[in-house]
PDB file of N, CA and C in Angstrom:
ATOM      1  N   UNK A   1       4.291 -33.845 -51.454  1.00  0.00           N
ATOM      2  CA  UNK A   1       5.491 -33.326 -50.812  1.00  0.00           C
ATOM      3  C   UNK A   1       5.237 -32.979 -49.362  1.00  0.00           C
ATOM      4  N   UNK A   2       4.092 -32.367 -49.080  1.00  0.00           N
ATOM      5  CA  UNK A   2       3.874 -31.925 -47.709  1.00  0.00           C
ATOM      6  C   UNK A   2       3.674 -33.094 -46.761  1.00  0.00           C
ATOM      7  N   UNK A   3       3.135 -34.231 -47.240  1.00  0.00           N
ATOM      8  CA  UNK A   3       2.982 -35.357 -46.328  1.00  0.00           C
ATOM      9  C   UNK A   3       4.350 -35.900 -45.921  1.00  0.00           C
ATOM     10  N   UNK A   4       5.344 -35.853 -46.830  1.00  0.00           N
ATOM     11  CA  UNK A   4       6.697 -36.257 -46.457  1.00  0.00           C
ATOM     12  C   UNK A   4       7.294 -35.259 -45.477  1.00  0.00           C
ATOM     13  N   UNK A   5       7.054 -33.978 -45.723  1.00  0.00           N
ATOM     14  CA  UNK A   5       7.548 -32.951 -44.802  1.00  0.00           C
ATOM     15  C   UNK A   5       6.918 -33.124 -43.429  1.00  0.00           C
ATOM     16  N   UNK A   6       5.625 -33.422 -43.411  1.00  0.00           N
ATOM     17  CA  UNK A   6       4.933 -33.623 -42.134  1.00  0.00           C
ATOM     18  C   UNK A   6       5.477 -34.843 -41.403  1.00  0.00           C
ATOM     19  N   UNK A   7       5.729 -35.910 -42.133  1.00  0.00           N
ATOM     20  CA  UNK A   7       6.265 -37.121 -41.510  1.00  0.00           C
ATOM     21  C   UNK A   7       7.652 -36.872 -40.922  1.00  0.00           C
ATOM     22  N   UNK A   8       8.508 -36.205 -41.679  1.00  0.00           N
ATOM     23  CA  UNK A   8       9.853 -35.894 -41.184  1.00  0.00           C
ATOM     24  C   UNK A   8       9.764 -35.008 -39.943  1.00  0.00           C
ATOM     25  N   UNK A   9       8.875 -34.012 -39.982  1.00  0.00           N
ATOM     26  CA  UNK A   9       8.716 -33.137 -38.823  1.00  0.00           C
ATOM     27  C   UNK A   9       8.230 -33.923 -37.616  1.00  0.00           C
ATOM     28  N   UNK A  10       7.247 -34.776 -37.807  1.00  0.00           N
ATOM     29  CA  UNK A  10       6.696 -35.544 -36.685  1.00  0.00           C
ATOM     30  C   UNK A  10       7.754 -36.430 -36.055  1.00  0.00           C
ATOM     31  N   UNK A  11       8.567 -37.082 -36.874  1.00  0.00           N
ATOM     32  CA  UNK A  11       9.641 -37.936 -36.349  1.00  0.00           C
ATOM     33  C   UNK A  11      10.643 -37.097 -35.568  1.00  0.00           C
ATOM     34  N   UNK A  12      11.023 -35.952 -36.115  1.00  0.00           N
ATOM     35  CA  UNK A  12      11.987 -35.081 -35.427  1.00  0.00           C
ATOM     36  C   UNK A  12      11.423 -34.576 -34.101  1.00  0.00           C
ATOM     37  N   UNK A  13      10.139 -34.211 -34.086  1.00  0.00           N
ATOM     38  CA  UNK A  13       9.525 -33.685 -32.861  1.00  0.00           C
ATOM     39  C   UNK A  13       9.468 -34.739 -31.763  1.00  0.00           C
ATOM     40  N   UNK A  14       9.060 -35.943 -32.106  1.00  0.00           N
ATOM     41  CA  UNK A  14       8.966 -37.008 -31.103  1.00  0.00           C
ATOM     42  C   UNK A  14      10.366 -37.447 -30.653  1.00  0.00           C
ATOM     43  N   UNK A  15      11.303 -37.517 -31.587  1.00  0.00           N
ATOM     44  CA  UNK A  15      12.676 -37.882 -31.216  1.00  0.00           C
ATOM     45  C   UNK A  15      13.273 -36.851 -30.266  1.00  0.00           C
ATOM     46  N   UNK A  16      13.013 -35.567 -30.524  1.00  0.00           N
ATOM     47  CA  UNK A  16      13.530 -34.517 -29.642  1.00  0.00           C
ATOM     48  C   UNK A  16      12.931 -34.646 -28.250  1.00  0.00           C
ATOM     49  N   UNK A  17      11.643 -34.951 -28.180  1.00  0.00           N
ATOM     50  CA  UNK A  17      10.992 -35.123 -26.874  1.00  0.00           C
ATOM     51  C   UNK A  17      11.573 -36.320 -26.126  1.00  0.00           C
ATOM     52  N   UNK A  18      11.776 -37.430 -26.836  1.00  0.00           N
ATOM     53  CA  UNK A  18      12.356 -38.610 -26.184  1.00  0.00           C
ATOM     54  C   UNK A  18      13.799 -38.367 -25.743  1.00  0.00           C
ATOM     55  N   UNK A  19      14.561 -37.633 -26.533  1.00  0.00           N
ATOM     56  CA  UNK A  19      15.933 -37.355 -26.134  1.00  0.00           C
ATOM     57  C   UNK A  19      15.972 -36.453 -24.900  1.00  0.00           C
ATOM     58  N   UNK A  20      15.029 -35.511 -24.813  1.00  0.00           N
ATOM     59  CA  UNK A  20      14.901 -34.674 -23.616  1.00  0.00           C
ATOM     60  C   UNK A  20      14.594 -35.548 -22.409  1.00  0.00           C
ATOM     61  N   UNK A  21      13.630 -36.459 -22.580  1.00  0.00           N
ATOM     62  CA  UNK A  21      13.242 -37.340 -21.467  1.00  0.00           C
ATOM     63  C   UNK A  21      14.421 -38.204 -21.027  1.00  0.00           C
ATOM     64  N   UNK A  22      15.162 -38.753 -21.988  1.00  0.00           N
ATOM     65  CA  UNK A  22      16.329 -39.562 -21.641  1.00  0.00           C
ATOM     66  C   UNK A  22      17.378 -38.768 -20.887  1.00  0.00           C
ATOM     67  N   UNK A  23      17.615 -37.544 -21.335  1.00  0.00           N
ATOM     68  CA  UNK A  23      18.593 -36.690 -20.651  1.00  0.00           C
ATOM     69  C   UNK A  23      18.121 -36.352 -19.242  1.00  0.00           C
ATOM     70  N   UNK A  24      16.841 -36.055 -19.086  1.00  0.00           N
ATOM     71  CA  UNK A  24      16.305 -35.752 -17.745  1.00  0.00           C
ATOM     72  C   UNK A  24      16.430 -36.950 -16.812  1.00  0.00           C
ATOM     73  N   UNK A  25      16.125 -38.136 -17.315  1.00  0.00           N
ATOM     74  CA  UNK A  25      16.254 -39.345 -16.484  1.00  0.00           C
ATOM     75  C   UNK A  25      17.714 -39.552 -16.091  1.00  0.00           C
ATOM     76  N   UNK A  26      18.624 -39.376 -17.045  1.00  0.00           N
ATOM     77  CA  UNK A  26      20.052 -39.505 -16.738  1.00  0.00           C
ATOM     78  C   UNK A  26      20.506 -38.502 -15.698  1.00  0.00           C
ATOM     79  N   UNK A  27      20.020 -37.266 -15.804  1.00  0.00           N
ATOM     80  CA  UNK A  27      20.412 -36.238 -14.830  1.00  0.00           C
ATOM     81  C   UNK A  27      19.819 -36.523 -13.455  1.00  0.00           C
ATOM     82  N   UNK A  28      18.602 -37.032 -13.415  1.00  0.00           N
ATOM     83  CA  UNK A  28      17.995 -37.392 -12.123  1.00  0.00           C
ATOM     84  C   UNK A  28      18.796 -38.512 -11.467  1.00  0.00           C
ATOM     85  N   UNK A  29      19.182 -39.506 -12.260  1.00  0.00           N
ATOM     86  CA  UNK A  29      19.977 -40.602 -11.707  1.00  0.00           C
ATOM     87  C   UNK A  29      21.336 -40.119 -11.231  1.00  0.00           C
ATOM     88  N   UNK A  30      21.963 -39.222 -11.981  1.00  0.00           N
ATOM     89  CA  UNK A  30      23.292 -38.741 -11.616  1.00  0.00           C
ATOM     90  C   UNK A  30      23.254 -37.811 -10.411  1.00  0.00           C
ATOM     91  N   UNK A  31      22.394 -36.792 -10.478  1.00  0.00           N
ATOM     92  CA  UNK A  31      22.397 -35.770  -9.434  1.00  0.00           C
ATOM     93  C   UNK A  31      21.414 -36.066  -8.301  1.00  0.00           C
ATOM     94  N   UNK A  32      20.328 -36.735  -8.593  1.00  0.00           N
ATOM     95  CA  UNK A  32      19.329 -37.035  -7.563  1.00  0.00           C
ATOM     96  C   UNK A  32      19.771 -38.114  -6.603  1.00  0.00           C
ATOM     97  N   UNK A  33      20.531 -39.072  -7.119  1.00  0.00           N
ATOM     98  CA  UNK A  33      20.988 -40.172  -6.279  1.00  0.00           C
ATOM     99  C   UNK A  33      22.471 -40.061  -5.956  1.00  0.00           C
ATOM    100  N   UNK A  34      23.075 -38.947  -6.357  1.00  0.00           N
ATOM    101  CA  UNK A  34      24.478 -38.641  -6.048  1.00  0.00           C
ATOM    102  C   UNK A  34      25.412 -39.811  -6.338  1.00  0.00           C
ATOM    103  N   UNK A  35      25.291 -40.345  -7.540  1.00  0.00           N
ATOM    104  CA  UNK A  35      26.187 -41.424  -7.932  1.00  0.00           C
ATOM    105  C   UNK A  35      27.558 -40.843  -8.277  1.00  0.00           C
ATOM    106  N   UNK A  36      28.579 -41.648  -8.119  1.00  0.00           N
ATOM    107  CA  UNK A  36      29.936 -41.170  -8.354  1.00  0.00           C
ATOM    108  C   UNK A  36      30.334 -41.219  -9.826  1.00  0.00           C
ATOM    109  N   UNK A  37      29.588 -41.955 -10.645  1.00  0.00           N
ATOM    110  CA  UNK A  37      29.934 -42.029 -12.070  1.00  0.00           C
ATOM    111  C   UNK A  37      29.008 -41.139 -12.889  1.00  0.00           C
ATOM    112  N   UNK A  38      29.437 -40.869 -14.091  1.00  0.00           N
ATOM    113  CA  UNK A  38      28.706 -39.958 -14.980  1.00  0.00           C
ATOM    114  C   UNK A  38      27.391 -40.537 -15.458  1.00  0.00           C
ATOM    115  N   UNK A  39      27.275 -41.847 -15.472  1.00  0.00           N
ATOM    116  CA  UNK A  39      26.087 -42.461 -16.048  1.00  0.00           C
ATOM    117  C   UNK A  39      26.063 -42.203 -17.543  1.00  0.00           C
ATOM    118  N   UNK A  40      24.920 -41.965 -18.067  1.00  0.00           N
ATOM    119  CA  UNK A  40      24.824 -41.710 -19.499  1.00  0.00           C
ATOM    120  C   UNK A  40      24.686 -40.251 -19.842  1.00  0.00           C
ATOM    121  N   UNK A  41      24.876 -39.360 -18.870  1.00  0.00           N
ATOM    122  CA  UNK A  41      24.625 -37.937 -19.102  1.00  0.00           C
ATOM    123  C   UNK A  41      25.459 -37.354 -20.247  1.00  0.00           C
ATOM    124  N   UNK A  42      26.755 -37.609 -20.325  1.00  0.00           N
ATOM    125  CA  UNK A  42      27.505 -37.034 -21.458  1.00  0.00           C
ATOM    126  C   UNK A  42      27.001 -37.537 -22.815  1.00  0.00           C
ATOM    127  N   UNK A  43      26.713 -38.818 -22.898  1.00  0.00           N
ATOM    128  CA  UNK A  43      26.229 -39.389 -24.156  1.00  0.00           C
ATOM    129  C   UNK A  43      24.824 -38.889 -24.449  1.00  0.00           C
ATOM    130  N   UNK A  44      23.950 -38.949 -23.453  1.00  0.00           N
ATOM    131  CA  UNK A  44      22.574 -38.485 -23.646  1.00  0.00           C
ATOM    132  C   UNK A  44      22.538 -36.991 -23.964  1.00  0.00           C
ATOM    133  N   UNK A  45      23.431 -36.238 -23.362  1.00  0.00           N
ATOM    134  CA  UNK A  45      23.502 -34.805 -23.644  1.00  0.00           C
ATOM    135  C   UNK A  45      23.895 -34.536 -25.085  1.00  0.00           C
ATOM    136  N   UNK A  46      24.868 -35.301 -25.577  1.00  0.00           N
ATOM    137  CA  UNK A  46      25.286 -35.130 -26.966  1.00  0.00           C
ATOM    138  C   UNK A  46      24.179 -35.570 -27.928  1.00  0.00           C
ATOM    139  N   UNK A  47      23.549 -36.691 -27.636  1.00  0.00           N
ATOM    140  CA  UNK A  47      22.450 -37.178 -28.486  1.00  0.00           C
ATOM    141  C   UNK A  47      21.318 -36.156 -28.514  1.00  0.00           C
ATOM    142  N   UNK A  48      20.963 -35.640 -27.356  1.00  0.00           N
ATOM    143  CA  UNK A  48      19.898 -34.634 -27.300  1.00  0.00           C
ATOM    144  C   UNK A  48      20.299 -33.376 -28.073  1.00  0.00           C
ATOM    145  N   UNK A  49      21.534 -32.961 -27.945  1.00  0.00           N
ATOM    146  CA  UNK A  49      22.000 -31.776 -28.664  1.00  0.00           C
ATOM    147  C   UNK A  49      21.906 -31.935 -30.174  1.00  0.00           C
ATOM    148  N   UNK A  50      22.304 -33.089 -30.669  1.00  0.00           N
ATOM    149  CA  UNK A  50      22.236 -33.359 -32.107  1.00  0.00           C
ATOM    150  C   UNK A  50      20.786 -33.385 -32.571  1.00  0.00           C
ATOM    151  N   UNK A  51      19.925 -34.073 -31.818  1.00  0.00           N
ATOM    152  CA  UNK A  51      18.509 -34.162 -32.206  1.00  0.00           C
ATOM    153  C   UNK A  51      17.841 -32.797 -32.094  1.00  0.00           C
ATOM    154  N   UNK A  52      18.228 -31.993 -31.112  1.00  0.00           N
ATOM    155  CA  UNK A  52      17.690 -30.637 -30.985  1.00  0.00           C
ATOM    156  C   UNK A  52      18.007 -29.818 -32.232  1.00  0.00           C
ATOM    157  N   UNK A  53      19.258 -29.874 -32.678  1.00  0.00           N
ATOM    158  CA  UNK A  53      19.662 -29.132 -33.882  1.00  0.00           C
ATOM    159  C   UNK A  53      18.897 -29.652 -35.100  1.00  0.00           C
ATOM    160  N   UNK A  54      18.741 -30.966 -35.210  1.00  0.00           N
ATOM    161  CA  UNK A  54      17.975 -31.533 -36.322  1.00  0.00           C
ATOM    162  C   UNK A  54      16.509 -31.079 -36.284  1.00  0.00           C
ATOM    163  N   UNK A  55      15.939 -30.982 -35.088  1.00  0.00           N
ATOM    164  CA  UNK A  55      14.559 -30.513 -34.961  1.00  0.00           C
ATOM    165  C   UNK A  55      14.435 -29.065 -35.445  1.00  0.00           C
ATOM    166  N   UNK A  56      15.366 -28.224 -35.046  1.00  0.00           N
ATOM    167  CA  UNK A  56      15.333 -26.819 -35.468  1.00  0.00           C
ATOM    168  C   UNK A  56      15.482 -26.717 -36.986  1.00  0.00           C
ATOM    169  N   UNK A  57      16.422 -27.458 -37.549  1.00  0.00           N
ATOM    170  CA  UNK A  57      16.617 -27.449 -39.000  1.00  0.00           C
ATOM    171  C   UNK A  57      15.376 -27.981 -39.716  1.00  0.00           C
ATOM    172  N   UNK A  58      14.795 -29.042 -39.178  1.00  0.00           N
ATOM    173  CA  UNK A  58      13.581 -29.610 -39.773  1.00  0.00           C
ATOM    174  C   UNK A  58      12.436 -28.616 -39.716  1.00  0.00           C
ATOM    175  N   UNK A  59      12.269 -27.945 -38.586  1.00  0.00           N
ATOM    176  CA  UNK A  59      11.197 -26.941 -38.456  1.00  0.00           C
ATOM    177  C   UNK A  59      11.368 -25.838 -39.495  1.00  0.00           C
ATOM    178  N   UNK A  60      12.583 -25.375 -39.667  1.00  0.00           N
ATOM    179  CA  UNK A  60      12.845 -24.332 -40.653  1.00  0.00           C
ATOM    180  C   UNK A  60      12.643 -24.844 -42.083  1.00  0.00           C
ATOM    181  N   UNK A  61      12.905 -26.128 -42.297  1.00  0.00           N
ATOM    182  CA  UNK A  61      12.779 -26.710 -43.638  1.00  0.00           C
ATOM    183  C   UNK A  61      11.326 -26.967 -44.043  1.00  0.00           C
ATOM    184  N   UNK A  62      10.473 -27.326 -43.092  1.00  0.00           N
ATOM    185  CA  UNK A  62       9.084 -27.657 -43.438  1.00  0.00           C
ATOM    186  C   UNK A  62       8.159 -26.447 -43.359  1.00  0.00           C
ATOM    187  N   UNK A  63       8.679 -25.333 -42.917  1.00  0.00           N
ATOM    188  CA  UNK A  63       7.920 -24.093 -42.759  1.00  0.00           C
ATOM    189  C   UNK A  63       7.130 -23.739 -44.025  1.00  0.00           C
ATOM    190  N   UNK A  64       7.799 -23.677 -45.162  1.00  0.00           N
ATOM    191  CA  UNK A  64       7.132 -23.312 -46.420  1.00  0.00           C
ATOM    192  C   UNK A  64       6.333 -24.463 -47.026  1.00  0.00           C
ATOM    193  N   UNK A  65       6.877 -25.683 -47.113  1.00  0.00           N
ATOM    194  CA  UNK A  65       6.079 -26.757 -47.707  1.00  0.00           C
ATOM    195  C   UNK A  65       4.759 -27.018 -46.983  1.00  0.00           C
ATOM    196  N   UNK A  66       4.731 -26.806 -45.675  1.00  0.00           N
ATOM    197  CA  UNK A  66       3.501 -27.029 -44.923  1.00  0.00           C
ATOM    198  C   UNK A  66       2.624 -25.780 -44.859  1.00  0.00           C
ATOM    199  N   UNK A  67       3.091 -24.691 -45.411  1.00  0.00           N
ATOM    200  CA  UNK A  67       2.288 -23.474 -45.446  1.00  0.00           C
ATOM    201  C   UNK A  67       2.082 -22.832 -44.084  1.00  0.00           C
ATOM    202  N   UNK A  68       3.076 -22.951 -43.207  1.00  0.00           N
ATOM    203  CA  UNK A  68       2.966 -22.355 -41.879  1.00  0.00           C
ATOM    204  C   UNK A  68       3.122 -20.854 -41.954  1.00  0.00           C
ATOM    205  N   UNK A  69       2.440 -20.175 -41.067  1.00  0.00           N
ATOM    206  CA  UNK A  69       2.666 -18.746 -40.874  1.00  0.00           C
ATOM    207  C   UNK A  69       3.877 -18.588 -39.959  1.00  0.00           C
ATOM    208  N   UNK A  70       4.495 -17.408 -39.957  1.00  0.00           N
ATOM    209  CA  UNK A  70       5.656 -17.196 -39.076  1.00  0.00           C
ATOM    210  C   UNK A  70       5.344 -17.472 -37.601  1.00  0.00           C
ATOM    211  N   UNK A  71       4.124 -17.200 -37.190  1.00  0.00           N
ATOM    212  CA  UNK A  71       3.721 -17.439 -35.797  1.00  0.00           C
ATOM    213  C   UNK A  71       3.799 -18.937 -35.456  1.00  0.00           C
ATOM    214  N   UNK A  72       3.377 -19.790 -36.395  1.00  0.00           N
ATOM    215  CA  UNK A  72       3.439 -21.237 -36.176  1.00  0.00           C
ATOM    216  C   UNK A  72       4.884 -21.702 -36.108  1.00  0.00           C
ATOM    217  N   UNK A  73       5.724 -21.176 -36.982  1.00  0.00           N
ATOM    218  CA  UNK A  73       7.147 -21.517 -36.944  1.00  0.00           C
ATOM    219  C   UNK A  73       7.767 -21.100 -35.621  1.00  0.00           C
ATOM    220  N   UNK A  74       7.451 -19.907 -35.168  1.00  0.00           N
ATOM    221  CA  UNK A  74       7.985 -19.429 -33.892  1.00  0.00           C
ATOM    222  C   UNK A  74       7.538 -20.333 -32.746  1.00  0.00           C
ATOM    223  N   UNK A  75       6.286 -20.749 -32.770  1.00  0.00           N
ATOM    224  CA  UNK A  75       5.785 -21.649 -31.738  1.00  0.00           C
ATOM    225  C   UNK A  75       6.515 -22.991 -31.790  1.00  0.00           C
ATOM    226  N   UNK A  76       6.768 -23.503 -33.003  1.00  0.00           N
ATOM    227  CA  UNK A  76       7.509 -24.767 -33.154  1.00  0.00           C
ATOM    228  C   UNK A  76       8.915 -24.632 -32.586  1.00  0.00           C
ATOM    229  N   UNK A  77       9.563 -23.508 -32.866  1.00  0.00           N
ATOM    230  CA  UNK A  77      10.927 -23.308 -32.367  1.00  0.00           C
ATOM    231  C   UNK A  77      10.945 -23.119 -30.849  1.00  0.00           C
ATOM    232  N   UNK A  78       9.976 -22.390 -30.316  1.00  0.00           N
ATOM    233  CA  UNK A  78       9.905 -22.203 -28.864  1.00  0.00           C
ATOM    234  C   UNK A  78       9.583 -23.507 -28.147  1.00  0.00           C
ATOM    235  N   UNK A  79       8.861 -24.395 -28.814  1.00  0.00           N
ATOM    236  CA  UNK A  79       8.511 -25.683 -28.211  1.00  0.00           C
ATOM    237  C   UNK A  79       9.739 -26.560 -27.986  1.00  0.00           C
ATOM    238  N   UNK A  80      10.830 -26.251 -28.639  1.00  0.00           N
ATOM    239  CA  UNK A  80      12.035 -27.071 -28.476  1.00  0.00           C
ATOM    240  C   UNK A  80      12.777 -26.771 -27.181  1.00  0.00           C
ATOM    241  N   UNK A  81      12.385 -25.718 -26.490  1.00  0.00           N
ATOM    242  CA  UNK A  81      13.126 -25.328 -25.286  1.00  0.00           C
ATOM    243  C   UNK A  81      12.669 -26.090 -24.042  1.00  0.00           C
ATOM    244  N   UNK A  82      11.373 -26.048 -23.662  1.00  0.00           N
ATOM    245  CA  UNK A  82      10.975 -26.816 -22.472  1.00  0.00           C
ATOM    246  C   UNK A  82      10.936 -28.317 -22.772  1.00  0.00           C
ATOM    247  N   UNK A  83      11.195 -29.135 -21.773  1.00  0.00           N
ATOM    248  CA  UNK A  83      11.168 -30.586 -21.995  1.00  0.00           C
ATOM    249  C   UNK A  83       9.805 -31.066 -22.491  1.00  0.00           C
ATOM    250  N   UNK A  84       9.830 -31.907 -23.494  1.00  0.00           N
ATOM    251  CA  UNK A  84       8.675 -32.619 -24.044  1.00  0.00           C
ATOM    252  C   UNK A  84       7.660 -31.742 -24.775  1.00  0.00           C
ATOM    253  N   UNK A  85       7.917 -30.450 -24.935  1.00  0.00           N
ATOM    254  CA  UNK A  85       6.951 -29.581 -25.610  1.00  0.00           C
ATOM    255  C   UNK A  85       6.906 -29.819 -27.106  1.00  0.00           C
ATOM    256  N   UNK A  86       7.952 -30.383 -27.711  1.00  0.00           N
ATOM    257  CA  UNK A  86       7.895 -30.664 -29.144  1.00  0.00           C
ATOM    258  C   UNK A  86       6.832 -31.716 -29.439  1.00  0.00           C
ATOM    259  N   UNK A  87       6.666 -32.651 -28.524  1.00  0.00           N
ATOM    260  CA  UNK A  87       5.633 -33.666 -28.683  1.00  0.00           C
ATOM    261  C   UNK A  87       4.259 -33.005 -28.589  1.00  0.00           C
ATOM    262  N   UNK A  88       4.104 -32.104 -27.625  1.00  0.00           N
ATOM    263  CA  UNK A  88       2.846 -31.364 -27.501  1.00  0.00           C
ATOM    264  C   UNK A  88       2.581 -30.557 -28.771  1.00  0.00           C
ATOM    265  N   UNK A  89       3.590 -29.872 -29.293  1.00  0.00           N
ATOM    266  CA  UNK A  89       3.407 -29.072 -30.495  1.00  0.00           C
ATOM    267  C   UNK A  89       3.033 -29.962 -31.675  1.00  0.00           C
ATOM    268  N   UNK A  90       3.681 -31.084 -31.830  1.00  0.00           N
ATOM    269  CA  UNK A  90       3.391 -32.008 -32.927  1.00  0.00           C
ATOM    270  C   UNK A  90       1.948 -32.499 -32.842  1.00  0.00           C
ATOM    271  N   UNK A  91       1.489 -32.825 -31.646  1.00  0.00           N
ATOM    272  CA  UNK A  91       0.107 -33.269 -31.461  1.00  0.00           C
ATOM    273  C   UNK A  91      -0.866 -32.150 -31.796  1.00  0.00           C
ATOM    274  N   UNK A  92      -0.593 -30.951 -31.320  1.00  0.00           N
ATOM    275  CA  UNK A  92      -1.440 -29.796 -31.609  1.00  0.00           C
ATOM    276  C   UNK A  92      -1.462 -29.500 -33.107  1.00  0.00           C
ATOM    277  N   UNK A  93      -0.287 -29.535 -33.744  1.00  0.00           N
ATOM    278  CA  UNK A  93      -0.201 -29.239 -35.173  1.00  0.00           C
ATOM    279  C   UNK A  93      -0.971 -30.267 -35.997  1.00  0.00           C
ATOM    280  N   UNK A  94      -0.907 -31.527 -35.611  1.00  0.00           N
ATOM    281  CA  UNK A  94      -1.648 -32.559 -36.324  1.00  0.00           C
ATOM    282  C   UNK A  94      -3.150 -32.356 -36.145  1.00  0.00           C
ATOM    283  N   UNK A  95      -3.567 -32.083 -34.908  1.00  0.00           N
ATOM    284  CA  UNK A  95      -4.988 -31.909 -34.604  1.00  0.00           C
ATOM    285  C   UNK A  95      -5.589 -30.691 -35.293  1.00  0.00           C
ATOM    286  N   UNK A  96      -4.819 -29.625 -35.432  1.00  0.00           N
ATOM    287  CA  UNK A  96      -5.343 -28.385 -36.012  1.00  0.00           C
ATOM    288  C   UNK A  96      -5.101 -28.258 -37.511  1.00  0.00           C
ATOM    289  N   UNK A  97      -4.534 -29.283 -38.125  1.00  0.00           N
ATOM    290  CA  UNK A  97      -4.331 -29.261 -39.572  1.00  0.00           C
ATOM    291  C   UNK A  97      -3.077 -28.549 -40.026  1.00  0.00           C
ATOM    292  N   UNK A  98      -2.191 -28.211 -39.119  1.00  0.00           N
ATOM    293  CA  UNK A  98      -0.948 -27.519 -39.490  1.00  0.00           C
ATOM    294  C   UNK A  98       0.014 -28.439 -40.238  1.00  0.00           C
ATOM    295  N   UNK A  99      -0.204 -29.743 -40.159  1.00  0.00           N
ATOM    296  CA  UNK A  99       0.661 -30.687 -40.856  1.00  0.00           C
ATOM    297  C   UNK A  99       0.052 -31.148 -42.177  1.00  0.00           C
ATOM    298  N   UNK A 100      -1.090 -30.580 -42.552  1.00  0.00           N
ATOM    299  CA  UNK A 100      -1.741 -30.950 -43.801  1.00  0.00           C
ATOM    300  C   UNK A 100      -1.140 -30.226 -44.989  1.00  0.00           C
ATOM    301  N   UNK A 101      -0.533 -29.096 -44.783  1.00  0.00           N
ATOM    302  CA  UNK A 101       0.057 -28.333 -45.868  1.00  0.00           C
ATOM    303  C   UNK A 101      -0.997 -27.596 -46.683  1.00  0.00           C
ATOM    304  N   UNK A 102      -0.571 -26.985 -47.763  1.00  0.00           N
ATOM    305  CA  UNK A 102      -1.496 -26.204 -48.593  1.00  0.00           C
ATOM    306  C   UNK A 102      -2.630 -27.033 -49.190  1.00  0.00           C
ATOM    307  N   UNK A 103      -2.482 -28.342 -49.278  1.00  0.00           N
ATOM    308  CA  UNK A 103      -3.520 -29.193 -49.850  1.00  0.00           C
ATOM    309  C   UNK A 103      -4.740 -29.346 -48.951  1.00  0.00           C
ATOM    310  N   UNK A 104      -4.688 -28.807 -47.742  1.00  0.00           N
ATOM    311  CA  UNK A 104      -5.796 -29.008 -46.815  1.00  0.00           C
ATOM    312  C   UNK A 104      -7.121 -28.492 -47.363  1.00  0.00           C
ATOM    313  N   UNK A 105      -7.081 -27.485 -48.232  1.00  0.00           N
ATOM    314  CA  UNK A 105      -8.314 -26.980 -48.830  1.00  0.00           C
ATOM    315  C   UNK A 105      -8.878 -27.996 -49.831  1.00  0.00           C
ATOM    316  N   UNK A 106      -8.012 -28.654 -50.565  1.00  0.00           N
ATOM    317  CA  UNK A 106      -8.447 -29.631 -51.560  1.00  0.00           C
ATOM    318  C   UNK A 106      -8.989 -30.883 -50.885  1.00  0.00           C
ATOM    319  N   UNK A 107      -8.291 -31.336 -49.853  1.00  0.00           N
ATOM    320  CA  UNK A 107      -8.634 -32.597 -49.213  1.00  0.00           C
ATOM    321  C   UNK A 107      -9.515 -32.441 -47.977  1.00  0.00           C
ATOM    322  N   UNK A 108     -10.061 -31.293 -47.756  1.00  0.00           N
ATOM    323  CA  UNK A 108     -10.958 -31.108 -46.619  1.00  0.00           C
ATOM    324  C   UNK A 108     -10.286 -31.167 -45.273  1.00  0.00           C
ATOM    325  N   UNK A 109      -9.016 -30.776 -45.197  1.00  0.00           N
ATOM    326  CA  UNK A 109      -8.325 -30.730 -43.906  1.00  0.00           C
ATOM    327  C   UNK A 109      -7.602 -31.998 -43.548  1.00  0.00           C
ATOM    328  N   UNK A 110      -7.604 -32.986 -44.431  1.00  0.00           N
ATOM    329  CA  UNK A 110      -6.898 -34.227 -44.125  1.00  0.00           C
ATOM    330  C   UNK A 110      -5.892 -34.564 -45.209  1.00  0.00           C
ATOM    331  N   UNK A 111      -5.230 -33.568 -45.760  1.00  0.00           N
ATOM    332  CA  UNK A 111      -4.254 -33.774 -46.821  1.00  0.00           C
ATOM    333  C   UNK A 111      -3.129 -34.700 -46.431  1.00  0.00           C
ATOM    334  N   UNK A 112      -2.881 -34.852 -45.132  1.00  0.00           N
ATOM    335  CA  UNK A 112      -1.816 -35.733 -44.676  1.00  0.00           C
ATOM    336  C   UNK A 112      -2.182 -37.188 -44.942  1.00  0.00           C
ATOM    337  N   UNK A 113      -3.473 -37.495 -44.944  1.00  0.00           N
ATOM    338  CA  UNK A 113      -3.914 -38.883 -45.044  1.00  0.00           C
ATOM    339  C   UNK A 113      -4.636 -39.218 -46.342  1.00  0.00           C
ATOM    340  N   UNK A 114      -5.404 -38.282 -46.900  1.00  0.00           N
ATOM    341  CA  UNK A 114      -6.238 -38.567 -48.073  1.00  0.00           C
ATOM    342  C   UNK A 114      -5.403 -38.687 -49.332  1.00  0.00           C
ATOM    343  N   UNK A 115      -5.811 -39.582 -50.212  1.00  0.00           N
ATOM    344  CA  UNK A 115      -5.137 -39.764 -51.494  1.00  0.00           C
ATOM    345  C   UNK A 115      -5.907 -39.091 -52.626  1.00  0.00           C
ATOM    346  N   UNK A 116      -7.213 -38.979 -52.492  1.00  0.00           N
ATOM    347  CA  UNK A 116      -8.024 -38.363 -53.539  1.00  0.00           C
ATOM    348  C   UNK A 116      -8.806 -37.202 -52.945  1.00  0.00           C
ATOM    349  N   UNK A 117      -9.104 -36.190 -53.764  1.00  0.00           N
ATOM    350  CA  UNK A 117      -9.859 -35.052 -53.264  1.00  0.00           C
ATOM    351  C   UNK A 117     -11.270 -35.445 -52.823  1.00  0.00           C
ATOM    352  N   UNK A 118     -11.768 -34.726 -51.812  1.00  0.00           N
ATOM    353  CA  UNK A 118     -13.122 -34.927 -51.338  1.00  0.00           C
ATOM    354  C   UNK A 118     -14.065 -34.261 -52.338  1.00  0.00           C
ATOM    355  N   UNK A 119     -15.092 -34.995 -52.768  1.00  0.00           N
ATOM    356  CA  UNK A 119     -16.022 -34.405 -53.738  1.00  0.00           C
ATOM    357  C   UNK A 119     -16.979 -33.451 -53.027  1.00  0.00           C
ATOM    358  N   UNK A 120     -17.338 -32.386 -53.745  1.00  0.00           N
ATOM    359  CA  UNK A 120     -18.162 -31.352 -53.135  1.00  0.00           C
ATOM    360  C   UNK A 120     -19.603 -31.676 -53.156  1.00  0.00           C
TER     361      UNK A 120
END
């Protein structure tokens, strides 16, 4: 179960980062070059807003299955505010075993990838 939760979280985190990047590029094109048309800002803004909400819901949903402490959840939620920080958080969480879930003790810290327990 936790590997599915981790996969869903990772997709949501990267999608949120890409939607932020797309919105920033659209805003730079609109306001930086003073174009007279809206460009994609309204559409990109709506897409980013929807993905942002999905990221927050996903973070709250995977909190227990992945065995996160409240501090980790708070960090995940705060990462959604600055541009591209969800990608940084996802990378950090993967590297530190936060996406392994409670099985990390059984699988030696690689519960996201291992299929059989590591023998002692």
